[in-house]
Amino acid sequence: MCSCMNEVAHLREQRGLSQGELATLAGISQAQLSRIEAGLIDRPSFETVRKLAAALRMRPEKLFPASDGASA
């Protein structure tokens, strides 16, 4: 599991948001956010990452940085 999943939950909690609130701000379902935070969705789509990053007011690459071992 990628530590970025824990980062989403950490940032959400740091901003005082519930899963439902962040999901609404990001335009995704609470169930999807829950699965991302739990690591059940290992690689969210770029669109989902972009939505979460926008809701958290950060750049997508800061939220889900590319792994060092990724191949092109």
PDB file of N, CA and C in Angstrom:
ATOM      1  N   MET A   1       0.843  -1.186   0.000  1.00  0.00           N
ATOM      2  CA  MET A   1       0.000   0.000   0.000  1.00  0.00           C
ATOM      3  C   MET A   1       0.878   1.236   0.000  1.00  0.00           C
ATOM      4  N   CYS A   2       0.516   2.208  -0.805  1.00  0.00           N
ATOM      5  CA  CYS A   2       1.258   3.451  -0.917  1.00  0.00           C
ATOM      6  C   CYS A   2       0.985   4.338   0.293  1.00  0.00           C
ATOM      7  N   SER A   3       2.022   4.952   0.828  1.00  0.00           N
ATOM      8  CA  SER A   3       1.843   5.831   1.985  1.00  0.00           C
ATOM      9  C   SER A   3       1.011   7.050   1.636  1.00  0.00           C
ATOM     10  N   CYS A   4       0.855   7.330   0.330  1.00  0.00           N
ATOM     11  CA  CYS A   4       0.052   8.485  -0.076  1.00  0.00           C
ATOM     12  C   CYS A   4      -1.403   8.298   0.328  1.00  0.00           C
ATOM     13  N   MET A   5      -1.865   7.049   0.464  1.00  0.00           N
ATOM     14  CA  MET A   5      -3.234   6.816   0.908  1.00  0.00           C
ATOM     15  C   MET A   5      -3.413   7.373   2.316  1.00  0.00           C
ATOM     16  N   ASN A   6      -2.418   7.110   3.177  1.00  0.00           N
ATOM     17  CA  ASN A   6      -2.474   7.652   4.519  1.00  0.00           C
ATOM     18  C   ASN A   6      -2.358   9.166   4.490  1.00  0.00           C
ATOM     19  N   GLU A   7      -1.660   9.699   3.496  1.00  0.00           N
ATOM     20  CA  GLU A   7      -1.498  11.142   3.363  1.00  0.00           C
ATOM     21  C   GLU A   7      -2.833  11.820   3.082  1.00  0.00           C
ATOM     22  N   VAL A   8      -3.675  11.204   2.286  1.00  0.00           N
ATOM     23  CA  VAL A   8      -4.992  11.776   2.002  1.00  0.00           C
ATOM     24  C   VAL A   8      -5.778  11.910   3.310  1.00  0.00           C
ATOM     25  N   ALA A   9      -5.813  10.863   4.091  1.00  0.00           N
ATOM     26  CA  ALA A   9      -6.532  10.898   5.361  1.00  0.00           C
ATOM     27  C   ALA A   9      -5.915  11.932   6.300  1.00  0.00           C
ATOM     28  N   HIS A  10      -4.600  11.969   6.351  1.00  0.00           N
ATOM     29  CA  HIS A  10      -3.908  12.931   7.221  1.00  0.00           C
ATOM     30  C   HIS A  10      -4.262  14.368   6.829  1.00  0.00           C
ATOM     31  N   LEU A  11      -4.170  14.676   5.546  1.00  0.00           N
ATOM     32  CA  LEU A  11      -4.474  16.027   5.082  1.00  0.00           C
ATOM     33  C   LEU A  11      -5.939  16.381   5.314  1.00  0.00           C
ATOM     34  N   ARG A  12      -6.813  15.409   5.088  1.00  0.00           N
ATOM     35  CA  ARG A  12      -8.240  15.635   5.324  1.00  0.00           C
ATOM     36  C   ARG A  12      -8.502  15.971   6.783  1.00  0.00           C
ATOM     37  N   GLU A  13      -7.926  15.173   7.672  1.00  0.00           N
ATOM     38  CA  GLU A  13      -8.116  15.396   9.107  1.00  0.00           C
ATOM     39  C   GLU A  13      -7.473  16.705   9.552  1.00  0.00           C
ATOM     40  N   GLN A  14      -6.316  17.011   8.998  1.00  0.00           N
ATOM     41  CA  GLN A  14      -5.611  18.250   9.323  1.00  0.00           C
ATOM     42  C   GLN A  14      -6.475  19.470   8.975  1.00  0.00           C
ATOM     43  N   ARG A  15      -7.270  19.349   7.929  1.00  0.00           N
ATOM     44  CA  ARG A  15      -8.140  20.444   7.503  1.00  0.00           C
ATOM     45  C   ARG A  15      -9.501  20.401   8.186  1.00  0.00           C
ATOM     46  N   GLY A  16      -9.684  19.429   9.066  1.00  0.00           N
ATOM     47  CA  GLY A  16     -10.934  19.335   9.820  1.00  0.00           C
ATOM     48  C   GLY A  16     -12.120  18.881   8.991  1.00  0.00           C
ATOM     49  N   LEU A  17     -11.851  18.089   7.967  1.00  0.00           N
ATOM     50  CA  LEU A  17     -12.911  17.610   7.086  1.00  0.00           C
ATOM     51  C   LEU A  17     -13.255  16.154   7.367  1.00  0.00           C
ATOM     52  N   SER A  18     -14.522  15.836   7.268  1.00  0.00           N
ATOM     53  CA  SER A  18     -14.935  14.430   7.325  1.00  0.00           C
ATOM     54  C   SER A  18     -14.739  13.834   5.937  1.00  0.00           C
ATOM     55  N   GLN A  19     -14.836  12.529   5.845  1.00  0.00           N
ATOM     56  CA  GLN A  19     -14.754  11.895   4.531  1.00  0.00           C
ATOM     57  C   GLN A  19     -15.879  12.405   3.632  1.00  0.00           C
ATOM     58  N   GLY A  20     -17.047  12.539   4.177  1.00  0.00           N
ATOM     59  CA  GLY A  20     -18.182  13.026   3.393  1.00  0.00           C
ATOM     60  C   GLY A  20     -17.971  14.434   2.873  1.00  0.00           C
ATOM     61  N   GLU A  21     -17.408  15.289   3.710  1.00  0.00           N
ATOM     62  CA  GLU A  21     -17.158  16.674   3.292  1.00  0.00           C
ATOM     63  C   GLU A  21     -16.117  16.736   2.176  1.00  0.00           C
ATOM     64  N   LEU A  22     -15.008  15.999   2.338  1.00  0.00           N
ATOM     65  CA  LEU A  22     -13.980  16.014   1.309  1.00  0.00           C
ATOM     66  C   LEU A  22     -14.507  15.391   0.016  1.00  0.00           C
ATOM     67  N   ALA A  23     -15.248  14.315   0.145  1.00  0.00           N
ATOM     68  CA  ALA A  23     -15.806  13.672  -1.046  1.00  0.00           C
ATOM     69  C   ALA A  23     -16.716  14.640  -1.800  1.00  0.00           C
ATOM     70  N   THR A  24     -17.542  15.380  -1.085  1.00  0.00           N
ATOM     71  CA  THR A  24     -18.429  16.359  -1.710  1.00  0.00           C
ATOM     72  C   THR A  24     -17.626  17.463  -2.388  1.00  0.00           C
ATOM     73  N   LEU A  25     -16.619  17.982  -1.703  1.00  0.00           N
ATOM     74  CA  LEU A  25     -15.771  19.031  -2.288  1.00  0.00           C
ATOM     75  C   LEU A  25     -15.057  18.539  -3.546  1.00  0.00           C
ATOM     76  N   ALA A  26     -14.649  17.277  -3.525  1.00  0.00           N
ATOM     77  CA  ALA A  26     -13.905  16.712  -4.649  1.00  0.00           C
ATOM     78  C   ALA A  26     -14.818  16.185  -5.757  1.00  0.00           C
ATOM     79  N   GLY A  27     -16.085  16.021  -5.466  1.00  0.00           N
ATOM     80  CA  GLY A  27     -16.995  15.492  -6.477  1.00  0.00           C
ATOM     81  C   GLY A  27     -16.839  14.005  -6.704  1.00  0.00           C
ATOM     82  N   ILE A  28     -16.460  13.281  -5.647  1.00  0.00           N
ATOM     83  CA  ILE A  28     -16.381  11.824  -5.716  1.00  0.00           C
ATOM     84  C   ILE A  28     -17.263  11.261  -4.607  1.00  0.00           C
ATOM     85  N   SER A  29     -17.515   9.968  -4.645  1.00  0.00           N
ATOM     86  CA  SER A  29     -18.355   9.383  -3.607  1.00  0.00           C
ATOM     87  C   SER A  29     -17.551   9.174  -2.322  1.00  0.00           C
ATOM     88  N   GLN A  30     -18.262   9.189  -1.217  1.00  0.00           N
ATOM     89  CA  GLN A  30     -17.610   8.922   0.061  1.00  0.00           C
ATOM     90  C   GLN A  30     -17.050   7.505   0.078  1.00  0.00           C
ATOM     91  N   ALA A  31     -17.754   6.579  -0.553  1.00  0.00           N
ATOM     92  CA  ALA A  31     -17.279   5.194  -0.612  1.00  0.00           C
ATOM     93  C   ALA A  31     -15.944   5.117  -1.349  1.00  0.00           C
ATOM     94  N   GLN A  32     -15.828   5.864  -2.453  1.00  0.00           N
ATOM     95  CA  GLN A  32     -14.573   5.859  -3.200  1.00  0.00           C
ATOM     96  C   GLN A  32     -13.446   6.452  -2.357  1.00  0.00           C
ATOM     97  N   LEU A  33     -13.703   7.558  -1.677  1.00  0.00           N
ATOM     98  CA  LEU A  33     -12.682   8.164  -0.822  1.00  0.00           C
ATOM     99  C   LEU A  33     -12.274   7.203   0.285  1.00  0.00           C
ATOM    100  N   SER A  34     -13.238   6.532   0.873  1.00  0.00           N
ATOM    101  CA  SER A  34     -12.946   5.566   1.926  1.00  0.00           C
ATOM    102  C   SER A  34     -12.039   4.454   1.414  1.00  0.00           C
ATOM    103  N   ARG A  35     -12.326   3.953   0.204  1.00  0.00           N
ATOM    104  CA  ARG A  35     -11.498   2.890  -0.383  1.00  0.00           C
ATOM    105  C   ARG A  35     -10.091   3.395  -0.697  1.00  0.00           C
ATOM    106  N   ILE A  36      -9.972   4.643  -1.131  1.00  0.00           N
ATOM    107  CA  ILE A  36      -8.650   5.223  -1.396  1.00  0.00           C
ATOM    108  C   ILE A  36      -7.858   5.321  -0.094  1.00  0.00           C
ATOM    109  N   GLU A  37      -8.481   5.858   0.936  1.00  0.00           N
ATOM    110  CA  GLU A  37      -7.796   6.012   2.225  1.00  0.00           C
ATOM    111  C   GLU A  37      -7.414   4.666   2.835  1.00  0.00           C
ATOM    112  N   ALA A  38      -8.233   3.657   2.594  1.00  0.00           N
ATOM    113  CA  ALA A  38      -7.969   2.320   3.141  1.00  0.00           C
ATOM    114  C   ALA A  38      -6.949   1.549   2.298  1.00  0.00           C
ATOM    115  N   GLY A  39      -6.585   2.109   1.145  1.00  0.00           N
ATOM    116  CA  GLY A  39      -5.630   1.434   0.281  1.00  0.00           C
ATOM    117  C   GLY A  39      -6.246   0.361  -0.596  1.00  0.00           C
ATOM    118  N   LEU A  40      -7.572   0.321  -0.662  1.00  0.00           N
ATOM    119  CA  LEU A  40      -8.248  -0.671  -1.495  1.00  0.00           C
ATOM    120  C   LEU A  40      -8.224  -0.272  -2.960  1.00  0.00           C
ATOM    121  N   ILE A  41      -8.043   1.012  -3.221  1.00  0.00           N
ATOM    122  CA  ILE A  41      -7.819   1.506  -4.580  1.00  0.00           C
ATOM    123  C   ILE A  41      -6.356   1.919  -4.602  1.00  0.00           C
ATOM    124  N   ASP A  42      -5.531   1.069  -5.181  1.00  0.00           N
ATOM    125  CA  ASP A  42      -4.084   1.263  -5.140  1.00  0.00           C
ATOM    126  C   ASP A  42      -3.628   2.439  -5.997  1.00  0.00           C
ATOM    127  N   ARG A  43      -4.252   2.583  -7.158  1.00  0.00           N
ATOM    128  CA  ARG A  43      -3.857   3.650  -8.088  1.00  0.00           C
ATOM    129  C   ARG A  43      -5.115   4.376  -8.574  1.00  0.00           C
ATOM    130  N   PRO A  44      -5.536   5.420  -7.849  1.00  0.00           N
ATOM    131  CA  PRO A  44      -6.704   6.172  -8.310  1.00  0.00           C
ATOM    132  C   PRO A  44      -6.436   6.795  -9.679  1.00  0.00           C
ATOM    133  N   SER A  45      -7.485   7.027 -10.440  1.00  0.00           N
ATOM    134  CA  SER A  45      -7.325   7.659 -11.751  1.00  0.00           C
ATOM    135  C   SER A  45      -6.773   9.070 -11.577  1.00  0.00           C
ATOM    136  N   PHE A  46      -6.138   9.579 -12.641  1.00  0.00           N
ATOM    137  CA  PHE A  46      -5.600  10.929 -12.565  1.00  0.00           C
ATOM    138  C   PHE A  46      -6.709  11.927 -12.283  1.00  0.00           C
ATOM    139  N   GLU A  47      -7.889  11.715 -12.858  1.00  0.00           N
ATOM    140  CA  GLU A  47      -9.009  12.629 -12.639  1.00  0.00           C
ATOM    141  C   GLU A  47      -9.397  12.658 -11.163  1.00  0.00           C
ATOM    142  N   THR A  48      -9.412  11.508 -10.509  1.00  0.00           N
ATOM    143  CA  THR A  48      -9.729  11.454  -9.081  1.00  0.00           C
ATOM    144  C   THR A  48      -8.649  12.155  -8.268  1.00  0.00           C
ATOM    145  N   VAL A  49      -7.401  11.917  -8.611  1.00  0.00           N
ATOM    146  CA  VAL A  49      -6.288  12.581  -7.914  1.00  0.00           C
ATOM    147  C   VAL A  49      -6.401  14.089  -8.093  1.00  0.00           C
ATOM    148  N   ARG A  50      -6.702  14.519  -9.310  1.00  0.00           N
ATOM    149  CA  ARG A  50      -6.832  15.944  -9.585  1.00  0.00           C
ATOM    150  C   ARG A  50      -7.958  16.561  -8.749  1.00  0.00           C
ATOM    151  N   LYS A  51      -9.077  15.866  -8.655  1.00  0.00           N
ATOM    152  CA  LYS A  51     -10.212  16.360  -7.875  1.00  0.00           C
ATOM    153  C   LYS A  51      -9.879  16.447  -6.388  1.00  0.00           C
ATOM    154  N   LEU A  52      -9.229  15.406  -5.861  1.00  0.00           N
ATOM    155  CA  LEU A  52      -8.844  15.426  -4.447  1.00  0.00           C
ATOM    156  C   LEU A  52      -7.839  16.539  -4.166  1.00  0.00           C
ATOM    157  N   ALA A  53      -6.868  16.683  -5.047  1.00  0.00           N
ATOM    158  CA  ALA A  53      -5.859  17.718  -4.868  1.00  0.00           C
ATOM    159  C   ALA A  53      -6.501  19.105  -4.877  1.00  0.00           C
ATOM    160  N   ALA A  54      -7.413  19.330  -5.808  1.00  0.00           N
ATOM    161  CA  ALA A  54      -8.091  20.628  -5.880  1.00  0.00           C
ATOM    162  C   ALA A  54      -8.887  20.893  -4.598  1.00  0.00           C
ATOM    163  N   ALA A  55      -9.582  19.876  -4.112  1.00  0.00           N
ATOM    164  CA  ALA A  55     -10.370  20.031  -2.890  1.00  0.00           C
ATOM    165  C   ALA A  55      -9.483  20.312  -1.678  1.00  0.00           C
ATOM    166  N   LEU A  56      -8.277  19.736  -1.695  1.00  0.00           N
ATOM    167  CA  LEU A  56      -7.328  19.938  -0.596  1.00  0.00           C
ATOM    168  C   LEU A  56      -6.414  21.147  -0.846  1.00  0.00           C
ATOM    169  N   ARG A  57      -6.619  21.813  -1.972  1.00  0.00           N
ATOM    170  CA  ARG A  57      -5.856  23.005  -2.351  1.00  0.00           C
ATOM    171  C   ARG A  57      -4.360  22.733  -2.447  1.00  0.00           C
ATOM    172  N   MET A  58      -4.060  21.728  -3.246  1.00  0.00           N
ATOM    173  CA  MET A  58      -2.663  21.380  -3.475  1.00  0.00           C
ATOM    174  C   MET A  58      -2.499  20.823  -4.879  1.00  0.00           C
ATOM    175  N   ARG A  59      -1.263  20.702  -5.315  1.00  0.00           N
ATOM    176  CA  ARG A  59      -0.984  20.165  -6.650  1.00  0.00           C
ATOM    177  C   ARG A  59      -1.102  18.640  -6.623  1.00  0.00           C
ATOM    178  N   PRO A  60      -1.637  18.050  -7.681  1.00  0.00           N
ATOM    179  CA  PRO A  60      -1.812  16.591  -7.711  1.00  0.00           C
ATOM    180  C   PRO A  60      -0.515  15.824  -7.455  1.00  0.00           C
ATOM    181  N   GLU A  61       0.600  16.284  -8.003  1.00  0.00           N
ATOM    182  CA  GLU A  61       1.860  15.557  -7.827  1.00  0.00           C
ATOM    183  C   GLU A  61       2.363  15.599  -6.389  1.00  0.00           C
ATOM    184  N   LYS A  62       1.886  16.557  -5.601  1.00  0.00           N
ATOM    185  CA  LYS A  62       2.254  16.599  -4.177  1.00  0.00           C
ATOM    186  C   LYS A  62       1.436  15.587  -3.383  1.00  0.00           C
ATOM    187  N   LEU A  63       0.219  15.343  -3.844  1.00  0.00           N
ATOM    188  CA  LEU A  63      -0.670  14.408  -3.153  1.00  0.00           C
ATOM    189  C   LEU A  63      -0.315  12.962  -3.460  1.00  0.00           C
ATOM    190  N   PHE A  64      -0.055  12.668  -4.729  1.00  0.00           N
ATOM    191  CA  PHE A  64       0.292  11.315  -5.164  1.00  0.00           C
ATOM    192  C   PHE A  64       1.535  11.385  -6.028  1.00  0.00           C
ATOM    193  N   PRO A  65       2.704  11.540  -5.421  1.00  0.00           N
ATOM    194  CA  PRO A  65       3.927  11.622  -6.231  1.00  0.00           C
ATOM    195  C   PRO A  65       4.177  10.310  -6.959  1.00  0.00           C
ATOM    196  N   ALA A  66       4.795  10.414  -8.127  1.00  0.00           N
ATOM    197  CA  ALA A  66       5.143   9.210  -8.893  1.00  0.00           C
ATOM    198  C   ALA A  66       6.138   8.389  -8.092  1.00  0.00           C
ATOM    199  N   SER A  67       5.986   7.090  -8.170  1.00  0.00           N
ATOM    200  CA  SER A  67       6.930   6.232  -7.438  1.00  0.00           C
ATOM    201  C   SER A  67       8.279   6.240  -8.125  1.00  0.00           C
ATOM    202  N   ASP A  68       9.344   6.091  -7.344  1.00  0.00           N
ATOM    203  CA  ASP A  68      10.695   6.112  -7.865  1.00  0.00           C
ATOM    204  C   ASP A  68      10.945   4.964  -8.838  1.00  0.00           C
ATOM    205  N   GLY A  69      10.267   3.862  -8.636  1.00  0.00           N
ATOM    206  CA  GLY A  69      10.525   2.675  -9.458  1.00  0.00           C
ATOM    207  C   GLY A  69       9.601   2.565 -10.655  1.00  0.00           C
ATOM    208  N   ALA A  70       8.838   3.613 -10.952  1.00  0.00           N
ATOM    209  CA  ALA A  70       7.902   3.541 -12.073  1.00  0.00           C
ATOM    210  C   ALA A  70       8.660   3.459 -13.398  1.00  0.00           C
ATOM    211  N   SER A  71       8.153   2.622 -14.278  1.00  0.00           N
ATOM    212  CA  SER A  71       8.780   2.508 -15.596  1.00  0.00           C
ATOM    213  C   SER A  71       7.977   3.292 -16.609  1.00  0.00           C
ATOM    214  N   ALA A  72       8.648   3.742 -17.655  1.00  0.00           N
ATOM    215  CA  ALA A  72       7.981   4.573 -18.657  1.00  0.00           C
ATOM    216  C   ALA A  72       7.283   3.762 -19.701  1.00  0.00           C
TER     217      ALA A  72
END
